[in-house]
Structure formats: structure tokens, C-alpha cells
Amino acid sequence: MDKSLYHFRKSLDNDPTNPEIHLNIANLLERIGDKTGAYDSFKMALNLNDNSAKALDGLKRLSDFEEEKEERR
């Protein structure tokens, strides 16, 4: 998975406003347990495409985690 993440991030160098790349990164980060990184990538994908149901679903899945993180601060 590290290679996939590397390649997706390299793709952002060429196309940083592509929401699909951000979604791929978010899904990969979620799979490996980086919930903060995944949440941020889902947010970026949604900012780039406010009609993205996939980004919205990802944010909903991770919203409980983000709320708990904020409460701990």
C-alpha cells in the first residue's frame, strides 16, 4: 500500500485539483488506519467537488472519530 500511496501523492503534483485522486488517497489512508489523514483527504475531495457522494460518505464514516478528537483537545 505504501507504493500506491506514493503514486497517488505523486499524481497530485501533476493534478492537485483532481478530486478522484484525493478520494483514492482518503480511501487508502482509511484502510491503513490513518483516520486523520483520510478525513482531511475526504474534505479536500469534497471541497473540489461538492457533489461527491463518495467524499461525503467517507466524511460521515469518520465524523465520530473527528468529534472525539476535538473533545480530547
N, C-alpha and C. Protein backbone atom coordinates (compact mmCIF):
# COMPACT_ATOMS: atom_id res chain seq x y z
N MET A 1 0.80 -1.20 0.00
CA MET A 1 0.00 0.00 0.00
C MET A 1 0.85 1.27 0.00
N ASP A 2 2.03 1.18 0.58
CA ASP A 2 2.89 2.36 0.59
C ASP A 2 3.21 2.83 -0.82
N LYS A 3 3.41 1.88 -1.73
CA LYS A 3 3.70 2.26 -3.11
C LYS A 3 2.49 2.94 -3.74
N SER A 4 1.32 2.42 -3.46
CA SER A 4 0.10 3.04 -4.01
C SER A 4 -0.05 4.47 -3.49
N LEU A 5 0.15 4.63 -2.20
CA LEU A 5 0.03 5.96 -1.61
C LEU A 5 1.06 6.91 -2.22
N TYR A 6 2.26 6.43 -2.39
CA TYR A 6 3.31 7.24 -3.01
C TYR A 6 2.88 7.70 -4.41
N HIS A 7 2.37 6.76 -5.21
CA HIS A 7 1.99 7.09 -6.58
C HIS A 7 0.79 8.04 -6.64
N PHE A 8 -0.17 7.85 -5.75
CA PHE A 8 -1.30 8.78 -5.70
C PHE A 8 -0.82 10.18 -5.34
N ARG A 9 0.07 10.25 -4.36
CA ARG A 9 0.56 11.57 -3.96
C ARG A 9 1.40 12.21 -5.06
N LYS A 10 2.15 11.42 -5.79
CA LYS A 10 2.90 11.95 -6.93
C LYS A 10 1.94 12.45 -8.01
N SER A 11 0.81 11.79 -8.16
CA SER A 11 -0.18 12.22 -9.14
C SER A 11 -0.71 13.61 -8.80
N LEU A 12 -0.78 13.91 -7.52
CA LEU A 12 -1.24 15.24 -7.09
C LEU A 12 -0.29 16.34 -7.55
N ASP A 13 0.98 16.00 -7.72
CA ASP A 13 1.93 17.00 -8.22
C ASP A 13 1.51 17.51 -9.59
N ASN A 14 0.98 16.60 -10.41
CA ASN A 14 0.57 16.95 -11.76
C ASN A 14 -0.86 17.48 -11.84
N ASP A 15 -1.68 17.07 -10.88
CA ASP A 15 -3.11 17.41 -10.95
C ASP A 15 -3.68 17.60 -9.53
N PRO A 16 -3.26 18.65 -8.83
CA PRO A 16 -3.66 18.81 -7.43
C PRO A 16 -5.14 19.09 -7.19
N THR A 17 -5.86 19.45 -8.24
CA THR A 17 -7.29 19.75 -8.05
C THR A 17 -8.19 18.62 -8.53
N ASN A 18 -7.63 17.45 -8.70
CA ASN A 18 -8.41 16.28 -9.13
C ASN A 18 -9.02 15.61 -7.90
N PRO A 19 -10.33 15.70 -7.72
CA PRO A 19 -10.95 15.13 -6.52
C PRO A 19 -10.84 13.61 -6.45
N GLU A 20 -10.76 12.95 -7.60
CA GLU A 20 -10.66 11.49 -7.59
C GLU A 20 -9.35 11.02 -6.96
N ILE A 21 -8.28 11.75 -7.20
CA ILE A 21 -7.00 11.40 -6.58
C ILE A 21 -7.10 11.55 -5.07
N HIS A 22 -7.71 12.64 -4.62
CA HIS A 22 -7.89 12.84 -3.18
C HIS A 22 -8.77 11.74 -2.57
N LEU A 23 -9.78 11.31 -3.31
CA LEU A 23 -10.62 10.21 -2.82
C LEU A 23 -9.83 8.91 -2.70
N ASN A 24 -9.00 8.64 -3.70
CA ASN A 24 -8.18 7.42 -3.64
C ASN A 24 -7.23 7.46 -2.45
N ILE A 25 -6.63 8.60 -2.23
CA ILE A 25 -5.73 8.74 -1.08
C ILE A 25 -6.52 8.56 0.22
N ALA A 26 -7.68 9.19 0.30
CA ALA A 26 -8.51 9.08 1.51
C ALA A 26 -8.89 7.64 1.80
N ASN A 27 -9.33 6.92 0.78
CA ASN A 27 -9.72 5.52 0.99
C ASN A 27 -8.54 4.67 1.42
N LEU A 28 -7.40 4.91 0.83
CA LEU A 28 -6.21 4.16 1.20
C LEU A 28 -5.78 4.48 2.64
N LEU A 29 -5.78 5.75 2.99
CA LEU A 29 -5.42 6.12 4.36
C LEU A 29 -6.40 5.55 5.37
N GLU A 30 -7.66 5.55 5.03
CA GLU A 30 -8.66 4.96 5.95
C GLU A 30 -8.39 3.48 6.14
N ARG A 31 -8.06 2.80 5.06
CA ARG A 31 -7.78 1.37 5.13
C ARG A 31 -6.58 1.05 6.01
N ILE A 32 -5.57 1.93 6.00
CA ILE A 32 -4.39 1.64 6.81
C ILE A 32 -4.47 2.24 8.21
N GLY A 33 -5.60 2.89 8.52
CA GLY A 33 -5.84 3.36 9.87
C GLY A 33 -5.46 4.80 10.14
N ASP A 34 -5.08 5.55 9.13
CA ASP A 34 -4.77 6.96 9.30
C ASP A 34 -6.07 7.76 9.13
N LYS A 35 -6.85 7.79 10.19
CA LYS A 35 -8.17 8.41 10.11
C LYS A 35 -8.09 9.92 9.92
N THR A 36 -7.12 10.55 10.56
CA THR A 36 -6.98 11.99 10.40
C THR A 36 -6.62 12.35 8.97
N GLY A 37 -5.65 11.64 8.41
CA GLY A 37 -5.27 11.88 7.02
C GLY A 37 -6.40 11.59 6.06
N ALA A 38 -7.14 10.52 6.33
CA ALA A 38 -8.28 10.16 5.48
C ALA A 38 -9.35 11.24 5.54
N TYR A 39 -9.65 11.70 6.74
CA TYR A 39 -10.67 12.74 6.91
C TYR A 39 -10.28 14.00 6.13
N ASP A 40 -9.02 14.39 6.26
CA ASP A 40 -8.54 15.59 5.56
C ASP A 40 -8.62 15.42 4.05
N SER A 41 -8.30 14.23 3.56
CA SER A 41 -8.36 13.98 2.11
C SER A 41 -9.80 13.93 1.61
N PHE A 42 -10.70 13.36 2.41
CA PHE A 42 -12.12 13.38 2.02
C PHE A 42 -12.63 14.82 1.98
N LYS A 43 -12.22 15.64 2.95
CA LYS A 43 -12.63 17.05 2.95
C LYS A 43 -12.12 17.77 1.72
N MET A 44 -10.89 17.51 1.35
CA MET A 44 -10.32 18.14 0.16
C MET A 44 -11.08 17.71 -1.09
N ALA A 45 -11.40 16.42 -1.19
CA ALA A 45 -12.16 15.92 -2.35
C ALA A 45 -13.52 16.60 -2.42
N LEU A 46 -14.16 16.77 -1.27
CA LEU A 46 -15.47 17.42 -1.25
C LEU A 46 -15.36 18.91 -1.59
N ASN A 47 -14.30 19.55 -1.14
CA ASN A 47 -14.10 20.96 -1.49
C ASN A 47 -13.91 21.13 -2.99
N LEU A 48 -13.28 20.15 -3.63
CA LEU A 48 -13.03 20.22 -5.06
C LEU A 48 -14.25 19.82 -5.89
N ASN A 49 -15.10 18.98 -5.30
CA ASN A 49 -16.32 18.54 -5.98
C ASN A 49 -17.41 18.40 -4.93
N ASP A 50 -18.19 19.46 -4.76
CA ASP A 50 -19.19 19.45 -3.69
C ASP A 50 -20.36 18.52 -3.95
N ASN A 51 -20.36 17.82 -5.08
CA ASN A 51 -21.39 16.82 -5.38
C ASN A 51 -20.89 15.40 -5.17
N SER A 52 -19.71 15.24 -4.58
CA SER A 52 -19.11 13.92 -4.43
C SER A 52 -19.77 13.13 -3.29
N ALA A 53 -20.60 12.19 -3.67
CA ALA A 53 -21.25 11.33 -2.67
C ALA A 53 -20.21 10.46 -1.96
N LYS A 54 -19.18 10.05 -2.66
CA LYS A 54 -18.14 9.21 -2.06
C LYS A 54 -17.39 9.98 -0.97
N ALA A 55 -17.07 11.23 -1.23
CA ALA A 55 -16.38 12.04 -0.23
C ALA A 55 -17.28 12.28 0.97
N LEU A 56 -18.53 12.56 0.72
CA LEU A 56 -19.49 12.79 1.80
C LEU A 56 -19.66 11.53 2.65
N ASP A 57 -19.76 10.38 2.00
CA ASP A 57 -19.87 9.11 2.74
C ASP A 57 -18.65 8.88 3.62
N GLY A 58 -17.46 9.15 3.06
CA GLY A 58 -16.24 8.98 3.84
C GLY A 58 -16.20 9.90 5.04
N LEU A 59 -16.61 11.14 4.86
CA LEU A 59 -16.64 12.08 5.98
C LEU A 59 -17.63 11.64 7.04
N LYS A 60 -18.76 11.12 6.62
CA LYS A 60 -19.75 10.62 7.59
C LYS A 60 -19.20 9.46 8.39
N ARG A 61 -18.49 8.55 7.70
CA ARG A 61 -17.90 7.40 8.39
C ARG A 61 -16.90 7.85 9.45
N LEU A 62 -16.15 8.89 9.14
CA LEU A 62 -15.09 9.33 10.03
C LEU A 62 -15.49 10.46 10.96
N SER A 63 -16.70 10.95 10.86
CA SER A 63 -17.11 12.11 11.66
C SER A 63 -17.08 11.82 13.15
N ASP A 64 -17.44 10.62 13.58
CA ASP A 64 -17.39 10.29 15.01
C ASP A 64 -15.96 10.38 15.52
N PHE A 65 -15.02 9.89 14.74
CA PHE A 65 -13.61 9.95 15.12
C PHE A 65 -13.16 11.40 15.28
N GLU A 66 -13.51 12.25 14.35
CA GLU A 66 -13.11 13.65 14.41
C GLU A 66 -13.74 14.36 15.60
N GLU A 67 -14.99 14.03 15.92
CA GLU A 67 -15.66 14.64 17.07
C GLU A 67 -14.95 14.25 18.36
N GLU A 68 -14.59 12.97 18.47
CA GLU A 68 -13.88 12.51 19.67
C GLU A 68 -12.53 13.19 19.79
N LYS A 69 -11.85 13.36 18.69
CA LYS A 69 -10.53 14.01 18.69
C LYS A 69 -10.66 15.45 19.18
N GLU A 70 -11.69 16.15 18.73
CA GLU A 70 -11.91 17.55 19.14
C GLU A 70 -12.24 17.63 20.64
N GLU A 71 -13.00 16.66 21.14
CA GLU A 71 -13.38 16.66 22.55
C GLU A 71 -12.15 16.47 23.45
N ARG A 72 -11.15 15.73 22.97
CA ARG A 72 -9.96 15.47 23.75
C ARG A 72 -9.04 16.68 23.84
N ARG A 73 -9.24 17.67 22.98
CA ARG A 73 -8.37 18.86 23.00
C ARG A 73 -8.71 19.79 24.09
